[in-house]
Amino acid sequence: MCLPRANTSRFVLLALLWLSPVPGWAQDATGHCMPFAGEQMLFSVGWEFIDAGIADMRVEMDAGGYRIIISSKSYRVFDLFHKVRDTITSKGVCRNGNMQSTLFDVVQNEGRYHSKKQIHFLWEKDIVTHTQNGKTDSYNVPAGHLNAIDVFFAVRKMNLSPGTMVRVPLFDSRKQYMLEVSVLKTQRLMAPWGKSVECLVIEPKLKTKGIFSSKGKVKVWLTNDARHIPLKMVAKIKFGHIVARLRKYASPSGL
């Protein structure tokens, strides 16, 4: 079975397109811009009943701002058919207590396909540059727009409840728009720390390319608490669903 180029990192990237502050969590000197500093998450990713690889996410912070890193790889048995070794890095700063993306860097190594993409958010000039395959394009994008990873963390900080919708300004795949995220319902799932927890099921209205060539349809299960930890992500594709499940979670509090 071949692992398609809709790989683990691209799936996690799309699945993490979601949309107060949480008192007591790690924060920088400007406020609660990034209350998730120190988090580490490990996901298994594959089809409905077959795990094909893993994706590791960690959140770091220093005097220069925050950094979110996602590394994904296929399991060795799938390497024989389609080896995946991808890295996504998101960087940003805290601006008036809010997140502001500064960089979105994607390195893809998937079988014979290799690609590097960088998006720089020059927010002080209201410009975003998109560089891929040696070509750089510039776009007029107002300050405040976030990249595809930062949007997820911005949503996690929000007050979410069933039947509501939240909106976040997004720049992704050369498009800028207000990403709408609907909170559909609650549902209980087993967490990797051994407890059944209530989750919020959310769904973003994506306007950019999805898992293959069509716009992505993704749902995410977030714990219904202040942390809004993603326990499960499901993306509908042409032949079934791709599923990511949280296997390990660590936070500064030691959960």
C-alpha atoms as a PDB file:
ATOM      1  CA  MET A   1       0.000   0.000   0.000  1.00  0.00           C
ATOM      2  CA  CYS A   2       1.427   3.346  -1.010  1.00  0.00           C
ATOM      3  CA  LEU A   3       1.381   6.333   1.305  1.00  0.00           C
ATOM      4  CA  PRO A   4      -0.014   9.124  -0.915  1.00  0.00           C
ATOM      5  CA  ARG A   5       1.626  12.514  -1.220  1.00  0.00           C
ATOM      6  CA  ALA A   6      -1.224  13.777   0.954  1.00  0.00           C
ATOM      7  CA  ASN A   7       1.282  12.984   3.663  1.00  0.00           C
ATOM      8  CA  THR A   8       1.194  13.077   7.427  1.00  0.00           C
ATOM      9  CA  SER A   9       2.486  16.628   7.765  1.00  0.00           C
ATOM     10  CA  ARG A  10       0.113  18.067   5.153  1.00  0.00           C
ATOM     11  CA  PHE A  11      -2.789  16.308   6.856  1.00  0.00           C
ATOM     12  CA  VAL A  12      -1.821  17.601  10.280  1.00  0.00           C
ATOM     13  CA  LEU A  13      -1.270  21.041   8.750  1.00  0.00           C
ATOM     14  CA  LEU A  14      -4.801  21.094   7.348  1.00  0.00           C
ATOM     15  CA  ALA A  15      -6.322  19.488  10.362  1.00  0.00           C
ATOM     16  CA  LEU A  16      -4.823  22.138  12.561  1.00  0.00           C
ATOM     17  CA  LEU A  17      -6.639  24.999  10.842  1.00  0.00           C
ATOM     18  CA  TRP A  18      -8.846  25.994  13.859  1.00  0.00           C
ATOM     19  CA  LEU A  19      -9.940  28.469  15.631  1.00  0.00           C
ATOM     20  CA  SER A  20      -9.931  34.218  27.212  1.00  0.00           C
ATOM     21  CA  PRO A  21      -6.466  33.678  27.485  1.00  0.00           C
ATOM     22  CA  VAL A  22      -5.865  30.919  30.030  1.00  0.00           C
ATOM     23  CA  PRO A  23      -4.648  32.236  33.410  1.00  0.00           C
ATOM     24  CA  GLY A  24      -1.699  30.414  34.913  1.00  0.00           C
ATOM     25  CA  TRP A  25      -0.282  29.077  31.663  1.00  0.00           C
ATOM     26  CA  ALA A  26       3.177  29.955  30.346  1.00  0.00           C
ATOM     27  CA  GLN A  27       3.215  33.406  28.792  1.00  0.00           C
ATOM     28  CA  ASP A  28       5.653  36.038  27.605  1.00  0.00           C
ATOM     29  CA  ALA A  29       6.104  39.518  28.993  1.00  0.00           C
ATOM     30  CA  THR A  30       3.492  41.052  26.664  1.00  0.00           C
ATOM     31  CA  GLY A  31       0.590  38.922  27.912  1.00  0.00           C
ATOM     32  CA  HIS A  32      -1.166  35.671  27.091  1.00  0.00           C
ATOM     33  CA  CYS A  33      -0.138  35.560  23.433  1.00  0.00           C
ATOM     34  CA  MET A  34       1.126  31.964  23.554  1.00  0.00           C
ATOM     35  CA  PRO A  35      -0.161  30.123  26.649  1.00  0.00           C
ATOM     36  CA  PHE A  36       0.876  26.763  25.166  1.00  0.00           C
ATOM     37  CA  ALA A  37       4.671  27.199  25.374  1.00  0.00           C
ATOM     38  CA  GLY A  38       6.304  23.908  26.364  1.00  0.00           C
ATOM     39  CA  GLU A  39       3.603  21.687  24.895  1.00  0.00           C
ATOM     40  CA  GLN A  40       4.587  18.506  23.065  1.00  0.00           C
ATOM     41  CA  MET A  41       2.160  16.333  21.122  1.00  0.00           C
ATOM     42  CA  LEU A  42       2.688  13.076  19.243  1.00  0.00           C
ATOM     43  CA  PHE A  43       0.076  11.937  16.695  1.00  0.00           C
ATOM     44  CA  SER A  44      -0.338   8.668  14.839  1.00  0.00           C
ATOM     45  CA  VAL A  45      -1.543   9.324  11.287  1.00  0.00           C
ATOM     46  CA  GLY A  46      -3.015   6.997   8.717  1.00  0.00           C
ATOM     47  CA  TRP A  47      -6.208   5.661   7.227  1.00  0.00           C
ATOM     48  CA  GLU A  48      -9.232   4.624   9.237  1.00  0.00           C
ATOM     49  CA  PHE A  49      -7.739   1.345  10.447  1.00  0.00           C
ATOM     50  CA  ILE A  50      -4.077   1.548   9.374  1.00  0.00           C
ATOM     51  CA  ASP A  51      -1.422   3.759  10.963  1.00  0.00           C
ATOM     52  CA  ALA A  52       1.055   4.942   8.327  1.00  0.00           C
ATOM     53  CA  GLY A  53       3.256   7.358  10.260  1.00  0.00           C
ATOM     54  CA  ILE A  54       3.667   9.816  13.101  1.00  0.00           C
ATOM     55  CA  ALA A  55       3.726  13.579  13.491  1.00  0.00           C
ATOM     56  CA  ASP A  56       5.407  15.333  16.399  1.00  0.00           C
ATOM     57  CA  MET A  57       4.489  18.894  17.407  1.00  0.00           C
ATOM     58  CA  ARG A  58       6.245  21.079  19.961  1.00  0.00           C
ATOM     59  CA  VAL A  59       5.843  24.692  21.048  1.00  0.00           C
ATOM     60  CA  GLU A  60       8.844  26.780  22.099  1.00  0.00           C
ATOM     61  CA  MET A  61       9.252  30.372  23.234  1.00  0.00           C
ATOM     62  CA  ASP A  62      12.138  32.755  23.805  1.00  0.00           C
ATOM     63  CA  ALA A  63      12.781  36.492  23.949  1.00  0.00           C
ATOM     64  CA  GLY A  64      12.337  36.732  20.177  1.00  0.00           C
ATOM     65  CA  GLY A  65       8.856  35.212  20.110  1.00  0.00           C
ATOM     66  CA  TYR A  66       7.310  31.767  19.712  1.00  0.00           C
ATOM     67  CA  ARG A  67       8.151  28.827  17.483  1.00  0.00           C
ATOM     68  CA  ILE A  68       5.990  25.805  16.583  1.00  0.00           C
ATOM     69  CA  ILE A  69       7.648  22.812  14.923  1.00  0.00           C
ATOM     70  CA  ILE A  70       5.929  19.809  13.320  1.00  0.00           C
ATOM     71  CA  SER A  71       8.020  16.869  12.162  1.00  0.00           C
ATOM     72  CA  SER A  72       6.410  13.929  10.364  1.00  0.00           C
ATOM     73  CA  LYS A  73       7.641  10.651   9.007  1.00  0.00           C
ATOM     74  CA  SER A  74       6.214   7.465   7.602  1.00  0.00           C
ATOM     75  CA  TYR A  75       6.821   4.173   9.364  1.00  0.00           C
ATOM     76  CA  ARG A  76       9.677   2.068   8.057  1.00  0.00           C
ATOM     77  CA  VAL A  77       7.385  -0.462   6.404  1.00  0.00           C
ATOM     78  CA  PHE A  78       5.786   2.362   4.371  1.00  0.00           C
ATOM     79  CA  ASP A  79       9.191   3.849   3.536  1.00  0.00           C
ATOM     80  CA  LEU A  80       9.564   1.034   1.012  1.00  0.00           C
ATOM     81  CA  PHE A  81       6.640   2.446  -0.961  1.00  0.00           C
ATOM     82  CA  HIS A  82       6.641   6.166  -0.202  1.00  0.00           C
ATOM     83  CA  LYS A  83       9.105   7.593   2.296  1.00  0.00           C
ATOM     84  CA  VAL A  84       7.964  10.746   4.091  1.00  0.00           C
ATOM     85  CA  ARG A  85      10.248  13.070   6.056  1.00  0.00           C
ATOM     86  CA  ASP A  86       8.670  16.518   6.385  1.00  0.00           C
ATOM     87  CA  THR A  87       9.175  19.493   8.672  1.00  0.00           C
ATOM     88  CA  ILE A  88       6.930  22.519   9.166  1.00  0.00           C
ATOM     89  CA  THR A  89       8.145  25.486  11.212  1.00  0.00           C
ATOM     90  CA  SER A  90       5.972  28.394  12.253  1.00  0.00           C
ATOM     91  CA  LYS A  91       7.362  31.500  13.930  1.00  0.00           C
ATOM     92  CA  GLY A  92       5.674  34.561  15.329  1.00  0.00           C
ATOM     93  CA  VAL A  93       5.754  37.384  17.834  1.00  0.00           C
ATOM     94  CA  CYS A  94       3.361  38.726  20.429  1.00  0.00           C
ATOM     95  CA  ARG A  95       1.892  42.049  19.321  1.00  0.00           C
ATOM     96  CA  ASN A  96      -0.314  43.867  21.810  1.00  0.00           C
ATOM     97  CA  GLY A  97      -1.043  40.542  23.480  1.00  0.00           C
ATOM     98  CA  ASN A  98      -2.063  38.895  20.171  1.00  0.00           C
ATOM     99  CA  MET A  99      -0.288  36.405  17.932  1.00  0.00           C
ATOM    100  CA  GLN A 100       1.362  37.698  14.769  1.00  0.00           C
ATOM    101  CA  SER A 101       2.895  35.214  12.332  1.00  0.00           C
ATOM    102  CA  THR A 102       6.330  36.060  10.960  1.00  0.00           C
ATOM    103  CA  LEU A 103       7.349  32.837   9.179  1.00  0.00           C
ATOM    104  CA  PHE A 104       5.824  29.681   7.744  1.00  0.00           C
ATOM    105  CA  ASP A 105       8.489  27.253   6.494  1.00  0.00           C
ATOM    106  CA  VAL A 106       7.684  23.884   4.876  1.00  0.00           C
ATOM    107  CA  VAL A 107      10.280  21.279   3.858  1.00  0.00           C
ATOM    108  CA  GLN A 108       8.792  18.249   2.097  1.00  0.00           C
ATOM    109  CA  ASN A 109      10.660  15.051   1.262  1.00  0.00           C
ATOM    110  CA  GLU A 110       8.125  12.504   0.030  1.00  0.00           C
ATOM    111  CA  GLY A 111       9.362   9.714  -2.192  1.00  0.00           C
ATOM    112  CA  ARG A 112      10.844  11.408  -5.230  1.00  0.00           C
ATOM    113  CA  TYR A 113       9.095  14.678  -4.461  1.00  0.00           C
ATOM    114  CA  HIS A 114      11.141  17.376  -2.729  1.00  0.00           C
ATOM    115  CA  SER A 115      10.011  20.926  -2.059  1.00  0.00           C
ATOM    116  CA  LYS A 116      10.830  23.949   0.069  1.00  0.00           C
ATOM    117  CA  LYS A 117       8.405  26.787   0.719  1.00  0.00           C
ATOM    118  CA  GLN A 118       8.764  29.895   2.856  1.00  0.00           C
ATOM    119  CA  ILE A 119       6.156  32.505   3.669  1.00  0.00           C
ATOM    120  CA  HIS A 120       7.378  35.654   5.426  1.00  0.00           C
ATOM    121  CA  PHE A 121       4.840  37.875   7.148  1.00  0.00           C
ATOM    122  CA  LEU A 122       6.276  41.401   6.974  1.00  0.00           C
ATOM    123  CA  TRP A 123       3.448  42.672   9.129  1.00  0.00           C
ATOM    124  CA  GLU A 124       4.993  46.088   9.783  1.00  0.00           C
ATOM    125  CA  LYS A 125       4.744  46.744   6.030  1.00  0.00           C
ATOM    126  CA  ASP A 126       1.415  44.897   5.517  1.00  0.00           C
ATOM    127  CA  ILE A 127       3.170  42.553   3.069  1.00  0.00           C
ATOM    128  CA  VAL A 128       3.513  38.777   2.829  1.00  0.00           C
ATOM    129  CA  THR A 129       6.115  37.131   0.574  1.00  0.00           C
ATOM    130  CA  HIS A 130       5.707  33.582  -0.759  1.00  0.00           C
ATOM    131  CA  THR A 131       8.847  31.801  -1.992  1.00  0.00           C
ATOM    132  CA  GLN A 132       8.767  28.382  -3.675  1.00  0.00           C
ATOM    133  CA  ASN A 133      10.893  26.750  -6.390  1.00  0.00           C
ATOM    134  CA  GLY A 134      13.137  29.799  -6.490  1.00  0.00           C
ATOM    135  CA  LYS A 135      10.282  32.216  -7.217  1.00  0.00           C
ATOM    136  CA  THR A 136       9.087  34.893  -4.788  1.00  0.00           C
ATOM    137  CA  ASP A 137       5.705  36.607  -4.981  1.00  0.00           C
ATOM    138  CA  SER A 138       4.509  39.475  -2.789  1.00  0.00           C
ATOM    139  CA  TYR A 139       0.974  40.111  -1.516  1.00  0.00           C
ATOM    140  CA  ASN A 140      -0.638  43.037   0.266  1.00  0.00           C
ATOM    141  CA  VAL A 141      -1.837  41.461   3.505  1.00  0.00           C
ATOM    142  CA  PRO A 142      -2.825  43.537   6.552  1.00  0.00           C
ATOM    143  CA  ALA A 143      -1.058  42.910   9.854  1.00  0.00           C
ATOM    144  CA  GLY A 144      -2.871  40.433  12.041  1.00  0.00           C
ATOM    145  CA  HIS A 145      -3.168  37.630   9.489  1.00  0.00           C
ATOM    146  CA  LEU A 146      -1.878  34.265  10.676  1.00  0.00           C
ATOM    147  CA  ASN A 147      -0.396  31.242   8.976  1.00  0.00           C
ATOM    148  CA  ALA A 148      -2.060  27.824   8.908  1.00  0.00           C
ATOM    149  CA  ILE A 149      -0.435  26.588  12.121  1.00  0.00           C
ATOM    150  CA  ASP A 150      -0.821  29.761  14.176  1.00  0.00           C
ATOM    151  CA  VAL A 151      -4.543  29.862  13.365  1.00  0.00           C
ATOM    152  CA  PHE A 152      -4.983  26.591  15.251  1.00  0.00           C
ATOM    153  CA  PHE A 153      -3.443  28.008  18.410  1.00  0.00           C
ATOM    154  CA  ALA A 154      -5.424  31.227  18.088  1.00  0.00           C
ATOM    155  CA  VAL A 155      -8.616  29.161  18.019  1.00  0.00           C
ATOM    156  CA  ARG A 156      -7.564  27.076  20.999  1.00  0.00           C
ATOM    157  CA  LYS A 157      -7.407  30.273  23.076  1.00  0.00           C
ATOM    158  CA  MET A 158     -10.974  31.228  22.231  1.00  0.00           C
ATOM    159  CA  ASN A 159     -14.165  30.583  24.165  1.00  0.00           C
ATOM    160  CA  LEU A 160     -15.801  27.756  22.216  1.00  0.00           C
ATOM    161  CA  SER A 161     -19.263  26.273  22.684  1.00  0.00           C
ATOM    162  CA  PRO A 162     -21.578  24.098  20.546  1.00  0.00           C
ATOM    163  CA  GLY A 163     -23.619  25.992  17.967  1.00  0.00           C
ATOM    164  CA  THR A 164     -21.224  28.926  17.685  1.00  0.00           C
ATOM    165  CA  MET A 165     -18.777  30.055  14.995  1.00  0.00           C
ATOM    166  CA  VAL A 166     -15.465  31.884  15.293  1.00  0.00           C
ATOM    167  CA  ARG A 167     -13.442  33.711  12.631  1.00  0.00           C
ATOM    168  CA  VAL A 168      -9.708  34.249  12.289  1.00  0.00           C
ATOM    169  CA  PRO A 169      -7.757  36.106   9.527  1.00  0.00           C
ATOM    170  CA  LEU A 170      -5.692  33.557   7.582  1.00  0.00           C
ATOM    171  CA  PHE A 171      -3.108  33.676   4.788  1.00  0.00           C
ATOM    172  CA  ASP A 172      -2.554  30.244   3.239  1.00  0.00           C
ATOM    173  CA  SER A 173      -1.684  28.972  -0.247  1.00  0.00           C
ATOM    174  CA  ARG A 174      -1.448  32.526  -1.624  1.00  0.00           C
ATOM    175  CA  LYS A 175      -4.929  33.431  -0.362  1.00  0.00           C
ATOM    176  CA  GLN A 176      -6.073  35.680   2.469  1.00  0.00           C
ATOM    177  CA  TYR A 177      -9.512  35.326   4.004  1.00  0.00           C
ATOM    178  CA  MET A 178     -11.430  35.062   7.250  1.00  0.00           C
ATOM    179  CA  LEU A 179     -11.394  31.411   8.230  1.00  0.00           C
ATOM    180  CA  GLU A 180     -14.734  30.388   9.729  1.00  0.00           C
ATOM    181  CA  VAL A 181     -14.727  27.564  12.247  1.00  0.00           C
ATOM    182  CA  SER A 182     -18.009  26.017  13.375  1.00  0.00           C
ATOM    183  CA  VAL A 183     -18.364  24.324  16.758  1.00  0.00           C
ATOM    184  CA  LEU A 184     -20.703  21.453  15.901  1.00  0.00           C
ATOM    185  CA  LYS A 185     -21.322  19.417  19.062  1.00  0.00           C
ATOM    186  CA  THR A 186     -19.759  17.636  22.026  1.00  0.00           C
ATOM    187  CA  GLN A 187     -18.618  14.022  22.083  1.00  0.00           C
ATOM    188  CA  ARG A 188     -16.617  11.925  24.529  1.00  0.00           C
ATOM    189  CA  LEU A 189     -13.281  10.378  23.563  1.00  0.00           C
ATOM    190  CA  MET A 190     -10.600   8.476  25.425  1.00  0.00           C
ATOM    191  CA  ALA A 191      -7.555  10.668  26.037  1.00  0.00           C
ATOM    192  CA  PRO A 192      -3.986   9.296  25.896  1.00  0.00           C
ATOM    193  CA  TRP A 193      -3.652   9.914  29.653  1.00  0.00           C
ATOM    194  CA  GLY A 194      -6.256   7.195  30.261  1.00  0.00           C
ATOM    195  CA  LYS A 195      -9.451   9.160  30.909  1.00  0.00           C
ATOM    196  CA  SER A 196     -12.664   9.632  28.965  1.00  0.00           C
ATOM    197  CA  VAL A 197     -13.096  13.354  28.317  1.00  0.00           C
ATOM    198  CA  GLU A 198     -15.744  15.544  26.737  1.00  0.00           C
ATOM    199  CA  CYS A 199     -14.648  17.066  23.441  1.00  0.00           C
ATOM    200  CA  LEU A 200     -15.843  19.847  21.175  1.00  0.00           C
ATOM    201  CA  VAL A 201     -16.142  18.803  17.523  1.00  0.00           C
ATOM    202  CA  ILE A 202     -15.128  21.692  15.288  1.00  0.00           C
ATOM    203  CA  GLU A 203     -15.009  22.139  11.510  1.00  0.00           C
ATOM    204  CA  PRO A 204     -13.225  24.862   9.517  1.00  0.00           C
ATOM    205  CA  LYS A 205     -14.583  26.253   6.249  1.00  0.00           C
ATOM    206  CA  LEU A 206     -11.423  25.924   4.178  1.00  0.00           C
ATOM    207  CA  LYS A 207     -11.041  27.933   0.987  1.00  0.00           C
ATOM    208  CA  THR A 208      -7.576  26.681   0.103  1.00  0.00           C
ATOM    209  CA  LYS A 209      -6.345  23.376  -1.273  1.00  0.00           C
ATOM    210  CA  GLY A 210      -7.071  20.329   0.826  1.00  0.00           C
ATOM    211  CA  ILE A 211      -5.541  16.897   1.139  1.00  0.00           C
ATOM    212  CA  PHE A 212      -5.412  16.121  -2.571  1.00  0.00           C
ATOM    213  CA  SER A 213      -6.624  18.553  -5.239  1.00  0.00           C
ATOM    214  CA  SER A 214      -9.922  19.613  -3.696  1.00  0.00           C
ATOM    215  CA  LYS A 215     -10.677  21.836  -0.754  1.00  0.00           C
ATOM    216  CA  GLY A 216     -10.142  20.023   2.506  1.00  0.00           C
ATOM    217  CA  LYS A 217     -12.974  18.801   4.726  1.00  0.00           C
ATOM    218  CA  VAL A 218     -11.593  18.403   8.209  1.00  0.00           C
ATOM    219  CA  LYS A 219     -13.019  17.882  11.688  1.00  0.00           C
ATOM    220  CA  VAL A 220     -11.134  18.151  14.966  1.00  0.00           C
ATOM    221  CA  TRP A 221     -12.025  16.928  18.452  1.00  0.00           C
ATOM    222  CA  LEU A 222     -10.756  19.375  21.121  1.00  0.00           C
ATOM    223  CA  THR A 223     -10.986  18.728  24.837  1.00  0.00           C
ATOM    224  CA  ASN A 224     -13.802  20.836  26.278  1.00  0.00           C
ATOM    225  CA  ASP A 225     -11.649  22.651  28.809  1.00  0.00           C
ATOM    226  CA  ALA A 226      -9.261  25.599  28.947  1.00  0.00           C
ATOM    227  CA  ARG A 227      -6.510  23.727  27.078  1.00  0.00           C
ATOM    228  CA  HIS A 228      -8.597  22.647  24.027  1.00  0.00           C
ATOM    229  CA  ILE A 229      -6.160  19.794  23.330  1.00  0.00           C
ATOM    230  CA  PRO A 230      -6.688  18.118  19.911  1.00  0.00           C
ATOM    231  CA  LEU A 231      -7.388  14.431  20.542  1.00  0.00           C
ATOM    232  CA  LYS A 232      -8.499  13.439  17.049  1.00  0.00           C
ATOM    233  CA  MET A 233      -8.526  14.867  13.528  1.00  0.00           C
ATOM    234  CA  VAL A 234     -10.354  13.417  10.514  1.00  0.00           C
ATOM    235  CA  ALA A 235     -10.035  14.508   6.876  1.00  0.00           C
ATOM    236  CA  LYS A 236     -12.382  13.209   4.200  1.00  0.00           C
ATOM    237  CA  ILE A 237     -10.607  12.218   1.010  1.00  0.00           C
ATOM    238  CA  LYS A 238     -11.653  10.610  -2.259  1.00  0.00           C
ATOM    239  CA  PHE A 239     -11.184   7.100  -0.921  1.00  0.00           C
ATOM    240  CA  GLY A 240     -12.300   7.232   2.698  1.00  0.00           C
ATOM    241  CA  HIS A 241     -10.756   9.216   5.530  1.00  0.00           C
ATOM    242  CA  ILE A 242      -7.340  10.065   6.912  1.00  0.00           C
ATOM    243  CA  VAL A 243      -7.226  10.045  10.702  1.00  0.00           C
ATOM    244  CA  ALA A 244      -4.775  11.502  13.217  1.00  0.00           C
ATOM    245  CA  ARG A 245      -4.988  10.484  16.881  1.00  0.00           C
ATOM    246  CA  LEU A 246      -3.129  12.021  19.790  1.00  0.00           C
ATOM    247  CA  ARG A 247      -0.933   9.326  21.354  1.00  0.00           C
ATOM    248  CA  LYS A 248       1.191  11.375  23.762  1.00  0.00           C
ATOM    249  CA  TYR A 249       0.771  14.790  25.332  1.00  0.00           C
ATOM    250  CA  ALA A 250       3.052  16.764  27.621  1.00  0.00           C
ATOM    251  CA  SER A 251       2.630  20.285  28.975  1.00  0.00           C
ATOM    252  CA  PRO A 252       4.563  22.460  31.410  1.00  0.00           C
ATOM    253  CA  SER A 253       2.075  21.412  34.084  1.00  0.00           C
ATOM    254  CA  GLY A 254       3.129  17.796  33.618  1.00  0.00           C
ATOM    255  CA  LEU A 255      -0.239  16.417  32.444  1.00  0.00           C
END
